[in-house]
Amino acid sequence: MNSSSAVRGAARQLLIGTYTEQLLHVTGKAEGILVCSFEEGWVGPPELLAALRNPSFITATPSGEHLYAASETFEFDGRPGGGLTAFARDPATGSLRVLNARPTGGDSPSYIAIDATGEFVVVANYAALNAPGSLAVFARAKDGSLGEMTDFVEHAGSGPDRVRQVSSHPHMVIFYPPAAAG
């Protein structure tokens, strides 16, 4: 983490997922997860918080103690598909420490949701142009790390646009009813 004075403490931070490499739809030039100070509606300059490949979607637990980042890739940790990385977040500084990472089993993960009990993390894998989209469910350990994949659902079917919708492309997953605020 860059330790300049622009981002000190974790109370009011804006965390930003980015692209780090060129893909068909984006020319990524960032280095990973960025952080900016956020005070009274003003955003400070971005700094690198954690180096990670294409962390295009990030989410945190309600307490802010843990953060999860989807690596939107076609290969992760030597396996086909994208990845999911779990971080512990220091409450005083906001710095991140990698807990562990898991392949998501599908290409281009695009969204992450944590269930209201905090026991599971679900990832929507958008997929490649002609590959089916999927959902991956991971157990979440008490320390915030990712446990084993407990379920994997690959979607079949196509849409009316024969060029772009040869297969499903999940963009988002959400639990309903939503978790209570707090």
N, C-alpha and C. Protein backbone atom coordinates (compact mmCIF):
# COMPACT_ATOMS: atom_id res chain seq x y z
N MET A 1 0.84 -1.17 0.00
CA MET A 1 0.00 0.00 0.00
C MET A 1 0.88 1.23 0.00
N ASN A 2 0.52 2.18 -0.79
CA ASN A 2 1.20 3.47 -0.81
C ASN A 2 0.80 4.19 0.47
N SER A 3 1.76 4.66 1.23
CA SER A 3 1.44 5.23 2.54
C SER A 3 1.50 6.75 2.57
N SER A 4 1.22 7.40 1.47
CA SER A 4 1.23 8.87 1.47
C SER A 4 0.12 9.39 2.37
N SER A 5 0.16 10.67 2.67
CA SER A 5 -0.80 11.25 3.61
C SER A 5 -2.21 11.38 3.05
N ALA A 6 -2.42 11.13 1.74
CA ALA A 6 -3.75 11.29 1.15
C ALA A 6 -4.75 10.31 1.74
N VAL A 7 -4.30 9.12 2.13
CA VAL A 7 -5.22 8.13 2.68
C VAL A 7 -4.64 7.62 3.98
N ARG A 8 -5.12 8.15 5.08
CA ARG A 8 -4.69 7.69 6.41
C ARG A 8 -5.93 7.29 7.19
N GLY A 9 -5.87 6.13 7.76
CA GLY A 9 -7.02 5.64 8.52
C GLY A 9 -8.04 5.02 7.59
N ALA A 10 -8.93 4.23 8.17
CA ALA A 10 -9.88 3.47 7.37
C ALA A 10 -11.30 4.00 7.48
N ALA A 11 -11.53 5.06 8.24
CA ALA A 11 -12.89 5.50 8.52
C ALA A 11 -13.66 5.88 7.26
N ARG A 12 -13.10 6.69 6.39
CA ARG A 12 -13.81 7.17 5.21
C ARG A 12 -12.96 6.91 3.98
N GLN A 13 -13.07 5.73 3.44
CA GLN A 13 -12.31 5.37 2.25
C GLN A 13 -13.27 4.96 1.14
N LEU A 14 -12.88 5.26 -0.06
CA LEU A 14 -13.57 4.79 -1.25
C LEU A 14 -12.66 3.77 -1.90
N LEU A 15 -13.12 2.52 -1.98
CA LEU A 15 -12.33 1.45 -2.58
C LEU A 15 -12.81 1.24 -4.01
N ILE A 16 -11.86 1.05 -4.93
CA ILE A 16 -12.19 1.02 -6.35
C ILE A 16 -11.61 -0.23 -7.00
N GLY A 17 -12.47 -1.03 -7.63
CA GLY A 17 -12.02 -2.16 -8.43
C GLY A 17 -11.60 -1.64 -9.79
N THR A 18 -10.63 -2.29 -10.43
CA THR A 18 -10.08 -1.80 -11.68
C THR A 18 -9.78 -2.95 -12.64
N TYR A 19 -9.35 -2.56 -13.83
CA TYR A 19 -8.78 -3.51 -14.79
C TYR A 19 -7.29 -3.23 -14.89
N THR A 20 -6.51 -4.29 -14.95
CA THR A 20 -5.06 -4.15 -15.00
C THR A 20 -4.46 -4.54 -16.35
N GLU A 21 -5.29 -5.07 -17.22
CA GLU A 21 -4.80 -5.51 -18.52
C GLU A 21 -5.86 -5.30 -19.59
N GLN A 22 -5.44 -5.38 -20.82
CA GLN A 22 -6.36 -5.19 -21.94
C GLN A 22 -7.18 -6.46 -22.15
N LEU A 23 -8.49 -6.25 -22.26
CA LEU A 23 -9.42 -7.31 -22.61
C LEU A 23 -10.20 -6.82 -23.83
N LEU A 24 -11.11 -7.62 -24.33
CA LEU A 24 -11.88 -7.22 -25.51
C LEU A 24 -12.65 -5.92 -25.29
N HIS A 25 -13.12 -5.68 -24.08
CA HIS A 25 -13.99 -4.53 -23.80
C HIS A 25 -13.32 -3.39 -23.04
N VAL A 26 -12.04 -3.51 -22.71
CA VAL A 26 -11.40 -2.48 -21.88
C VAL A 26 -9.88 -2.53 -22.05
N THR A 27 -9.27 -1.37 -21.94
CA THR A 27 -7.81 -1.29 -21.93
C THR A 27 -7.40 -0.93 -20.51
N GLY A 28 -7.16 -1.94 -19.68
CA GLY A 28 -6.83 -1.71 -18.28
C GLY A 28 -5.41 -1.25 -18.10
N LYS A 29 -5.24 -0.24 -17.23
CA LYS A 29 -3.91 0.29 -16.98
C LYS A 29 -3.62 0.45 -15.49
N ALA A 30 -4.55 0.06 -14.64
CA ALA A 30 -4.35 0.18 -13.19
C ALA A 30 -3.47 -0.97 -12.71
N GLU A 31 -3.17 -0.97 -11.42
CA GLU A 31 -2.32 -2.03 -10.85
C GLU A 31 -3.08 -2.94 -9.90
N GLY A 32 -4.34 -2.63 -9.62
CA GLY A 32 -5.11 -3.46 -8.70
C GLY A 32 -6.20 -2.67 -8.03
N ILE A 33 -6.46 -2.96 -6.75
CA ILE A 33 -7.50 -2.26 -5.99
C ILE A 33 -6.95 -0.91 -5.57
N LEU A 34 -7.72 0.13 -5.85
CA LEU A 34 -7.32 1.49 -5.50
C LEU A 34 -8.12 1.98 -4.30
N VAL A 35 -7.58 2.97 -3.62
CA VAL A 35 -8.26 3.59 -2.49
C VAL A 35 -8.11 5.10 -2.60
N CYS A 36 -9.19 5.80 -2.23
CA CYS A 36 -9.18 7.26 -2.17
C CYS A 36 -9.76 7.67 -0.83
N SER A 37 -9.31 8.81 -0.31
CA SER A 37 -9.98 9.35 0.86
C SER A 37 -11.34 9.88 0.40
N PHE A 38 -12.30 9.89 1.30
CA PHE A 38 -13.64 10.36 0.96
C PHE A 38 -14.15 11.16 2.14
N GLU A 39 -14.19 12.47 2.00
CA GLU A 39 -14.62 13.35 3.08
C GLU A 39 -15.59 14.39 2.56
N GLU A 40 -16.75 14.50 3.19
CA GLU A 40 -17.74 15.52 2.88
C GLU A 40 -18.04 15.65 1.39
N GLY A 41 -18.14 14.51 0.71
CA GLY A 41 -18.48 14.51 -0.71
C GLY A 41 -17.31 14.73 -1.64
N TRP A 42 -16.11 14.85 -1.12
CA TRP A 42 -14.92 15.05 -1.96
C TRP A 42 -14.08 13.79 -1.96
N VAL A 43 -13.58 13.44 -3.15
CA VAL A 43 -12.76 12.25 -3.33
C VAL A 43 -11.31 12.67 -3.53
N GLY A 44 -10.41 12.09 -2.72
CA GLY A 44 -8.98 12.38 -2.83
C GLY A 44 -8.35 11.59 -3.96
N PRO A 45 -7.07 11.81 -4.21
CA PRO A 45 -6.38 11.11 -5.30
C PRO A 45 -6.27 9.60 -5.02
N PRO A 46 -6.34 8.78 -6.06
CA PRO A 46 -6.26 7.33 -5.88
C PRO A 46 -4.84 6.87 -5.56
N GLU A 47 -4.78 5.84 -4.73
CA GLU A 47 -3.52 5.18 -4.40
C GLU A 47 -3.73 3.68 -4.50
N LEU A 48 -2.68 2.94 -4.77
CA LEU A 48 -2.76 1.49 -4.84
C LEU A 48 -2.92 0.93 -3.43
N LEU A 49 -3.96 0.15 -3.23
CA LEU A 49 -4.20 -0.50 -1.94
C LEU A 49 -3.71 -1.95 -1.97
N ALA A 50 -3.97 -2.65 -3.08
CA ALA A 50 -3.54 -4.05 -3.20
C ALA A 50 -3.34 -4.39 -4.68
N ALA A 51 -2.19 -4.94 -5.01
CA ALA A 51 -1.94 -5.39 -6.37
C ALA A 51 -2.71 -6.69 -6.60
N LEU A 52 -3.50 -6.71 -7.66
CA LEU A 52 -4.29 -7.89 -8.01
C LEU A 52 -4.68 -7.76 -9.47
N ARG A 53 -4.72 -8.88 -10.15
CA ARG A 53 -5.05 -8.89 -11.58
C ARG A 53 -6.54 -8.68 -11.80
N ASN A 54 -6.90 -7.64 -12.54
CA ASN A 54 -8.28 -7.33 -12.94
C ASN A 54 -9.32 -7.46 -11.82
N PRO A 55 -9.13 -6.77 -10.68
CA PRO A 55 -10.15 -6.84 -9.64
C PRO A 55 -11.34 -5.94 -9.99
N SER A 56 -12.09 -6.36 -11.00
CA SER A 56 -13.15 -5.52 -11.55
C SER A 56 -14.35 -5.36 -10.64
N PHE A 57 -14.55 -6.27 -9.71
CA PHE A 57 -15.65 -6.14 -8.76
C PHE A 57 -15.13 -6.47 -7.37
N ILE A 58 -15.47 -5.62 -6.41
CA ILE A 58 -15.08 -5.86 -5.01
C ILE A 58 -16.30 -5.64 -4.13
N THR A 59 -16.31 -6.31 -2.99
CA THR A 59 -17.35 -6.10 -1.99
C THR A 59 -16.76 -6.32 -0.62
N ALA A 60 -17.36 -5.73 0.38
CA ALA A 60 -16.90 -5.87 1.76
C ALA A 60 -18.02 -6.39 2.63
N THR A 61 -17.64 -6.99 3.74
CA THR A 61 -18.63 -7.40 4.73
C THR A 61 -19.23 -6.14 5.36
N PRO A 62 -20.41 -6.22 5.96
CA PRO A 62 -21.01 -5.03 6.58
C PRO A 62 -20.10 -4.35 7.61
N SER A 63 -19.29 -5.13 8.30
CA SER A 63 -18.38 -4.56 9.30
C SER A 63 -17.15 -3.92 8.67
N GLY A 64 -16.89 -4.23 7.39
CA GLY A 64 -15.70 -3.73 6.72
C GLY A 64 -14.44 -4.49 7.08
N GLU A 65 -14.60 -5.54 7.85
CA GLU A 65 -13.46 -6.33 8.33
C GLU A 65 -12.83 -7.18 7.22
N HIS A 66 -13.66 -7.59 6.25
CA HIS A 66 -13.17 -8.42 5.16
C HIS A 66 -13.62 -7.87 3.82
N LEU A 67 -12.79 -8.08 2.82
CA LEU A 67 -13.05 -7.61 1.47
C LEU A 67 -12.84 -8.79 0.52
N TYR A 68 -13.66 -8.84 -0.53
CA TYR A 68 -13.56 -9.90 -1.53
C TYR A 68 -13.45 -9.25 -2.91
N ALA A 69 -12.55 -9.76 -3.72
CA ALA A 69 -12.32 -9.18 -5.05
C ALA A 69 -12.39 -10.28 -6.10
N ALA A 70 -13.15 -10.01 -7.16
CA ALA A 70 -13.25 -10.92 -8.30
C ALA A 70 -12.21 -10.52 -9.33
N SER A 71 -11.38 -11.46 -9.72
CA SER A 71 -10.42 -11.23 -10.80
C SER A 71 -11.08 -11.65 -12.11
N GLU A 72 -11.44 -10.65 -12.91
CA GLU A 72 -12.12 -10.91 -14.19
C GLU A 72 -11.09 -11.37 -15.21
N THR A 73 -10.90 -12.67 -15.26
CA THR A 73 -9.88 -13.28 -16.12
C THR A 73 -10.42 -14.55 -16.77
N PHE A 74 -9.64 -15.07 -17.69
CA PHE A 74 -9.96 -16.36 -18.32
C PHE A 74 -9.03 -17.46 -17.80
N GLU A 75 -8.07 -17.06 -16.95
CA GLU A 75 -7.13 -17.99 -16.32
C GLU A 75 -6.76 -17.40 -14.96
N PHE A 76 -6.79 -18.23 -13.92
CA PHE A 76 -6.46 -17.76 -12.58
C PHE A 76 -5.72 -18.87 -11.86
N ASP A 77 -4.57 -18.54 -11.32
CA ASP A 77 -3.78 -19.51 -10.55
C ASP A 77 -3.52 -20.79 -11.34
N GLY A 78 -3.26 -20.63 -12.66
CA GLY A 78 -2.94 -21.76 -13.50
C GLY A 78 -4.13 -22.59 -13.95
N ARG A 79 -5.34 -22.15 -13.63
CA ARG A 79 -6.55 -22.89 -14.01
C ARG A 79 -7.41 -22.02 -14.91
N PRO A 80 -8.21 -22.63 -15.77
CA PRO A 80 -9.12 -21.83 -16.60
C PRO A 80 -10.14 -21.11 -15.73
N GLY A 81 -10.51 -19.90 -16.13
CA GLY A 81 -11.55 -19.15 -15.44
C GLY A 81 -10.99 -18.02 -14.60
N GLY A 82 -11.89 -17.40 -13.86
CA GLY A 82 -11.54 -16.26 -13.02
C GLY A 82 -11.21 -16.69 -11.61
N GLY A 83 -11.04 -15.68 -10.74
CA GLY A 83 -10.67 -15.97 -9.37
C GLY A 83 -11.37 -15.06 -8.38
N LEU A 84 -11.35 -15.49 -7.14
CA LEU A 84 -11.92 -14.74 -6.03
C LEU A 84 -10.86 -14.70 -4.93
N THR A 85 -10.54 -13.50 -4.46
CA THR A 85 -9.53 -13.32 -3.42
C THR A 85 -10.17 -12.72 -2.17
N ALA A 86 -9.85 -13.29 -1.01
CA ALA A 86 -10.34 -12.81 0.28
C ALA A 86 -9.22 -12.02 0.96
N PHE A 87 -9.59 -10.88 1.54
CA PHE A 87 -8.65 -10.03 2.26
C PHE A 87 -9.17 -9.74 3.66
N ALA A 88 -8.25 -9.59 4.61
CA ALA A 88 -8.57 -9.02 5.91
C ALA A 88 -8.22 -7.54 5.81
N ARG A 89 -9.06 -6.69 6.40
CA ARG A 89 -8.85 -5.24 6.31
C ARG A 89 -8.55 -4.70 7.71
N ASP A 90 -7.43 -4.01 7.85
CA ASP A 90 -7.03 -3.43 9.12
C ASP A 90 -7.97 -2.27 9.46
N PRO A 91 -8.66 -2.31 10.61
CA PRO A 91 -9.63 -1.25 10.92
C PRO A 91 -8.97 0.12 11.17
N ALA A 92 -7.72 0.13 11.58
CA ALA A 92 -7.05 1.40 11.87
C ALA A 92 -6.48 2.06 10.62
N THR A 93 -5.91 1.27 9.73
CA THR A 93 -5.22 1.85 8.56
C THR A 93 -5.95 1.62 7.25
N GLY A 94 -6.83 0.61 7.21
CA GLY A 94 -7.50 0.26 5.97
C GLY A 94 -6.68 -0.63 5.07
N SER A 95 -5.47 -0.96 5.46
CA SER A 95 -4.63 -1.81 4.61
C SER A 95 -5.23 -3.21 4.50
N LEU A 96 -4.90 -3.87 3.41
CA LEU A 96 -5.43 -5.21 3.14
C LEU A 96 -4.33 -6.26 3.25
N ARG A 97 -4.72 -7.43 3.77
CA ARG A 97 -3.83 -8.59 3.84
C ARG A 97 -4.56 -9.76 3.18
N VAL A 98 -3.92 -10.39 2.21
CA VAL A 98 -4.54 -11.53 1.52
C VAL A 98 -4.71 -12.69 2.50
N LEU A 99 -5.93 -13.21 2.54
CA LEU A 99 -6.19 -14.41 3.34
C LEU A 99 -6.01 -15.66 2.48
N ASN A 100 -6.66 -15.67 1.32
CA ASN A 100 -6.50 -16.76 0.36
C ASN A 100 -7.25 -16.41 -0.92
N ALA A 101 -7.15 -17.29 -1.90
CA ALA A 101 -7.81 -17.08 -3.19
C ALA A 101 -8.26 -18.43 -3.72
N ARG A 102 -9.32 -18.40 -4.51
CA ARG A 102 -9.87 -19.62 -5.13
C ARG A 102 -10.27 -19.32 -6.57
N PRO A 103 -10.08 -20.30 -7.46
CA PRO A 103 -10.64 -20.16 -8.81
C PRO A 103 -12.16 -20.25 -8.72
N THR A 104 -12.86 -19.49 -9.59
CA THR A 104 -14.32 -19.47 -9.54
C THR A 104 -14.97 -20.52 -10.43
N GLY A 105 -14.19 -21.21 -11.26
CA GLY A 105 -14.73 -22.25 -12.10
C GLY A 105 -15.37 -21.76 -13.38
N GLY A 106 -15.46 -20.45 -13.56
CA GLY A 106 -16.04 -19.88 -14.77
C GLY A 106 -15.28 -18.64 -15.18
N ASP A 107 -15.44 -18.25 -16.43
CA ASP A 107 -14.72 -17.09 -16.95
C ASP A 107 -15.35 -15.78 -16.49
N SER A 108 -14.51 -14.79 -16.31
CA SER A 108 -14.90 -13.40 -16.09
C SER A 108 -15.91 -13.20 -14.96
N PRO A 109 -15.56 -13.52 -13.71
CA PRO A 109 -16.48 -13.24 -12.63
C PRO A 109 -16.83 -11.76 -12.60
N SER A 110 -18.12 -11.47 -12.43
CA SER A 110 -18.59 -10.09 -12.57
C SER A 110 -19.30 -9.53 -11.34
N TYR A 111 -19.61 -10.37 -10.35
CA TYR A 111 -20.33 -9.87 -9.19
C TYR A 111 -20.12 -10.83 -8.02
N ILE A 112 -20.12 -10.27 -6.81
CA ILE A 112 -19.93 -11.05 -5.59
C ILE A 112 -21.02 -10.66 -4.60
N ALA A 113 -21.62 -11.65 -3.94
CA ALA A 113 -22.59 -11.38 -2.88
C ALA A 113 -22.27 -12.26 -1.68
N ILE A 114 -22.48 -11.71 -0.49
CA ILE A 114 -22.30 -12.44 0.76
C ILE A 114 -23.68 -12.61 1.37
N ASP A 115 -24.03 -13.84 1.77
CA ASP A 115 -25.37 -14.05 2.32
C ASP A 115 -25.48 -13.40 3.71
N ALA A 116 -26.71 -13.20 4.17
CA ALA A 116 -26.98 -12.47 5.41
C ALA A 116 -26.36 -13.13 6.63
N THR A 117 -26.17 -14.44 6.59
CA THR A 117 -25.56 -15.14 7.73
C THR A 117 -24.05 -15.00 7.73
N GLY A 118 -23.47 -14.57 6.59
CA GLY A 118 -22.02 -14.46 6.48
C GLY A 118 -21.33 -15.79 6.26
N GLU A 119 -22.10 -16.83 5.98
CA GLU A 119 -21.54 -18.17 5.83
C GLU A 119 -21.10 -18.49 4.40
N PHE A 120 -21.65 -17.76 3.42
CA PHE A 120 -21.38 -18.09 2.02
C PHE A 120 -21.07 -16.85 1.20
N VAL A 121 -20.21 -17.03 0.20
CA VAL A 121 -19.89 -16.01 -0.78
C VAL A 121 -20.26 -16.59 -2.14
N VAL A 122 -21.07 -15.85 -2.92
CA VAL A 122 -21.53 -16.32 -4.22
C VAL A 122 -20.95 -15.40 -5.30
N VAL A 123 -20.49 -16.01 -6.38
CA VAL A 123 -19.89 -15.27 -7.49
C VAL A 123 -20.66 -15.56 -8.77
N ALA A 124 -21.00 -14.50 -9.52
CA ALA A 124 -21.58 -14.67 -10.86
C ALA A 124 -20.44 -14.61 -11.86
N ASN A 125 -20.28 -15.67 -12.63
CA ASN A 125 -19.28 -15.73 -13.70
C ASN A 125 -19.96 -15.36 -15.01
N TYR A 126 -19.63 -14.20 -15.54
CA TYR A 126 -20.25 -13.70 -16.76
C TYR A 126 -20.01 -14.65 -17.94
N ALA A 127 -18.83 -15.18 -18.04
CA ALA A 127 -18.42 -16.15 -19.07
C ALA A 127 -17.88 -15.48 -20.31
N ALA A 128 -17.33 -16.28 -21.16
CA ALA A 128 -16.79 -15.80 -22.44
C ALA A 128 -17.92 -15.72 -23.45
N LEU A 129 -17.61 -15.24 -24.64
CA LEU A 129 -18.62 -15.01 -25.67
C LEU A 129 -19.47 -16.25 -25.95
N ASN A 130 -18.86 -17.40 -26.07
CA ASN A 130 -19.62 -18.60 -26.41
C ASN A 130 -19.62 -19.66 -25.31
N ALA A 131 -19.19 -19.30 -24.12
CA ALA A 131 -19.19 -20.23 -23.00
C ALA A 131 -20.38 -19.92 -22.10
N PRO A 132 -20.92 -20.93 -21.42
CA PRO A 132 -22.06 -20.66 -20.54
C PRO A 132 -21.65 -19.91 -19.28
N GLY A 133 -22.54 -19.05 -18.81
CA GLY A 133 -22.32 -18.37 -17.55
C GLY A 133 -22.57 -19.32 -16.39
N SER A 134 -22.13 -18.93 -15.20
CA SER A 134 -22.27 -19.83 -14.06
C SER A 134 -22.29 -19.06 -12.75
N LEU A 135 -22.66 -19.76 -11.70
CA LEU A 135 -22.60 -19.26 -10.33
C LEU A 135 -21.75 -20.22 -9.53
N ALA A 136 -20.90 -19.66 -8.67
CA ALA A 136 -20.08 -20.47 -7.77
C ALA A 136 -20.37 -20.05 -6.34
N VAL A 137 -20.55 -21.02 -5.45
CA VAL A 137 -20.82 -20.76 -4.05
C VAL A 137 -19.64 -21.28 -3.23
N PHE A 138 -19.11 -20.40 -2.35
CA PHE A 138 -17.99 -20.78 -1.49
C PHE A 138 -18.41 -20.66 -0.03
N ALA A 139 -17.97 -21.63 0.78
CA ALA A 139 -18.14 -21.50 2.22
C ALA A 139 -17.21 -20.38 2.67
N ARG A 140 -17.63 -19.64 3.69
CA ARG A 140 -16.82 -18.55 4.23
C ARG A 140 -16.43 -18.92 5.66
N ALA A 141 -15.14 -18.98 5.92
CA ALA A 141 -14.64 -19.34 7.25
C ALA A 141 -14.82 -18.18 8.22
N LYS A 142 -14.76 -18.46 9.51
CA LYS A 142 -14.93 -17.42 10.54
C LYS A 142 -13.87 -16.33 10.42
N ASP A 143 -12.67 -16.68 9.94
CA ASP A 143 -11.61 -15.68 9.79
C ASP A 143 -11.75 -14.87 8.50
N GLY A 144 -12.82 -15.13 7.73
CA GLY A 144 -13.07 -14.40 6.49
C GLY A 144 -12.49 -15.05 5.26
N SER A 145 -11.68 -16.07 5.42
CA SER A 145 -11.09 -16.74 4.25
C SER A 145 -12.15 -17.56 3.53
N LEU A 146 -11.83 -17.91 2.30
CA LEU A 146 -12.75 -18.70 1.48
C LEU A 146 -12.52 -20.18 1.71
N GLY A 147 -13.60 -20.89 2.01
CA GLY A 147 -13.52 -22.33 2.14
C GLY A 147 -13.69 -22.97 0.77
N GLU A 148 -14.06 -24.21 0.77
CA GLU A 148 -14.25 -24.95 -0.48
C GLU A 148 -15.48 -24.45 -1.23
N MET A 149 -15.49 -24.69 -2.53
CA MET A 149 -16.67 -24.42 -3.34
C MET A 149 -17.72 -25.45 -2.94
N THR A 150 -18.90 -24.97 -2.53
CA THR A 150 -19.96 -25.88 -2.09
C THR A 150 -20.96 -26.19 -3.20
N ASP A 151 -21.02 -25.30 -4.22
CA ASP A 151 -21.93 -25.55 -5.33
C ASP A 151 -21.45 -24.78 -6.54
N PHE A 152 -21.78 -25.29 -7.70
CA PHE A 152 -21.44 -24.66 -8.97
C PHE A 152 -22.57 -24.95 -9.94
N VAL A 153 -23.18 -23.88 -10.48
CA VAL A 153 -24.31 -24.04 -11.39
C VAL A 153 -23.96 -23.38 -12.71
N GLU A 154 -23.97 -24.17 -13.78
CA GLU A 154 -23.70 -23.64 -15.12
C GLU A 154 -25.04 -23.49 -15.82
N HIS A 155 -25.25 -22.34 -16.44
CA HIS A 155 -26.54 -22.04 -17.04
C HIS A 155 -26.58 -22.43 -18.51
N ALA A 156 -27.68 -23.01 -18.94
CA ALA A 156 -27.87 -23.40 -20.34
C ALA A 156 -28.83 -22.41 -21.00
N GLY A 157 -28.87 -22.47 -22.30
CA GLY A 157 -29.81 -21.64 -23.03
C GLY A 157 -29.15 -20.49 -23.75
N SER A 158 -29.96 -19.76 -24.52
CA SER A 158 -29.45 -18.63 -25.29
C SER A 158 -30.53 -17.56 -25.35
N GLY A 159 -30.13 -16.39 -25.85
CA GLY A 159 -31.06 -15.28 -25.97
C GLY A 159 -31.39 -14.98 -27.42
N PRO A 160 -32.19 -13.95 -27.67
CA PRO A 160 -32.62 -13.64 -29.03
C PRO A 160 -31.51 -13.07 -29.93
N ASP A 161 -30.46 -12.48 -29.35
CA ASP A 161 -29.36 -11.95 -30.15
C ASP A 161 -28.37 -13.08 -30.42
N ARG A 162 -28.40 -13.63 -31.62
CA ARG A 162 -27.59 -14.81 -31.97
C ARG A 162 -26.09 -14.56 -31.93
N VAL A 163 -25.66 -13.30 -31.96
CA VAL A 163 -24.23 -12.98 -31.91
C VAL A 163 -23.76 -12.86 -30.46
N ARG A 164 -24.45 -12.09 -29.65
CA ARG A 164 -24.00 -11.81 -28.28
C ARG A 164 -24.61 -12.74 -27.23
N GLN A 165 -25.68 -13.43 -27.56
CA GLN A 165 -26.37 -14.21 -26.55
C GLN A 165 -26.44 -15.69 -26.91
N VAL A 166 -25.30 -16.20 -27.37
CA VAL A 166 -25.23 -17.63 -27.67
C VAL A 166 -25.39 -18.44 -26.38
N SER A 167 -24.96 -17.85 -25.26
CA SER A 167 -25.11 -18.48 -23.96
C SER A 167 -25.47 -17.42 -22.92
N SER A 168 -25.75 -17.87 -21.72
CA SER A 168 -26.12 -16.94 -20.64
C SER A 168 -24.90 -16.14 -20.17
N HIS A 169 -25.15 -14.95 -19.62
CA HIS A 169 -24.08 -14.09 -19.11
C HIS A 169 -24.56 -13.44 -17.81
N PRO A 170 -24.49 -14.15 -16.67
CA PRO A 170 -24.93 -13.55 -15.41
C PRO A 170 -24.09 -12.32 -15.06
N HIS A 171 -24.76 -11.23 -14.72
CA HIS A 171 -24.10 -9.98 -14.35
C HIS A 171 -24.09 -9.76 -12.84
N MET A 172 -25.07 -10.34 -12.14
CA MET A 172 -25.26 -10.00 -10.74
C MET A 172 -25.94 -11.15 -10.01
N VAL A 173 -25.66 -11.26 -8.73
CA VAL A 173 -26.39 -12.16 -7.82
C VAL A 173 -26.72 -11.35 -6.58
N ILE A 174 -27.90 -11.57 -6.03
CA ILE A 174 -28.30 -10.85 -4.83
C ILE A 174 -29.19 -11.78 -4.00
N PHE A 175 -29.05 -11.69 -2.70
CA PHE A 175 -29.89 -12.47 -1.81
C PHE A 175 -31.15 -11.68 -1.52
N TYR A 176 -32.29 -12.38 -1.49
CA TYR A 176 -33.55 -11.73 -1.18
C TYR A 176 -34.28 -12.55 -0.16
N PRO A 177 -34.81 -11.99 0.89
CA PRO A 177 -34.73 -10.58 1.18
C PRO A 177 -33.32 -10.16 1.54
N PRO A 178 -32.99 -8.88 1.32
CA PRO A 178 -31.63 -8.42 1.61
C PRO A 178 -31.31 -8.48 3.09
N ALA A 179 -30.02 -8.50 3.39
CA ALA A 179 -29.58 -8.51 4.79
C ALA A 179 -30.00 -7.20 5.47
N ALA A 180 -30.28 -7.27 6.74
CA ALA A 180 -30.62 -6.06 7.50
C ALA A 180 -29.41 -5.15 7.59
N ALA A 181 -29.66 -3.88 7.52
CA ALA A 181 -28.56 -2.91 7.62
C ALA A 181 -27.97 -2.96 9.01
N GLY A 182 -26.67 -2.69 9.08
CA GLY A 182 -26.09 -2.65 10.42
C GLY A 182 -24.77 -3.17 10.48
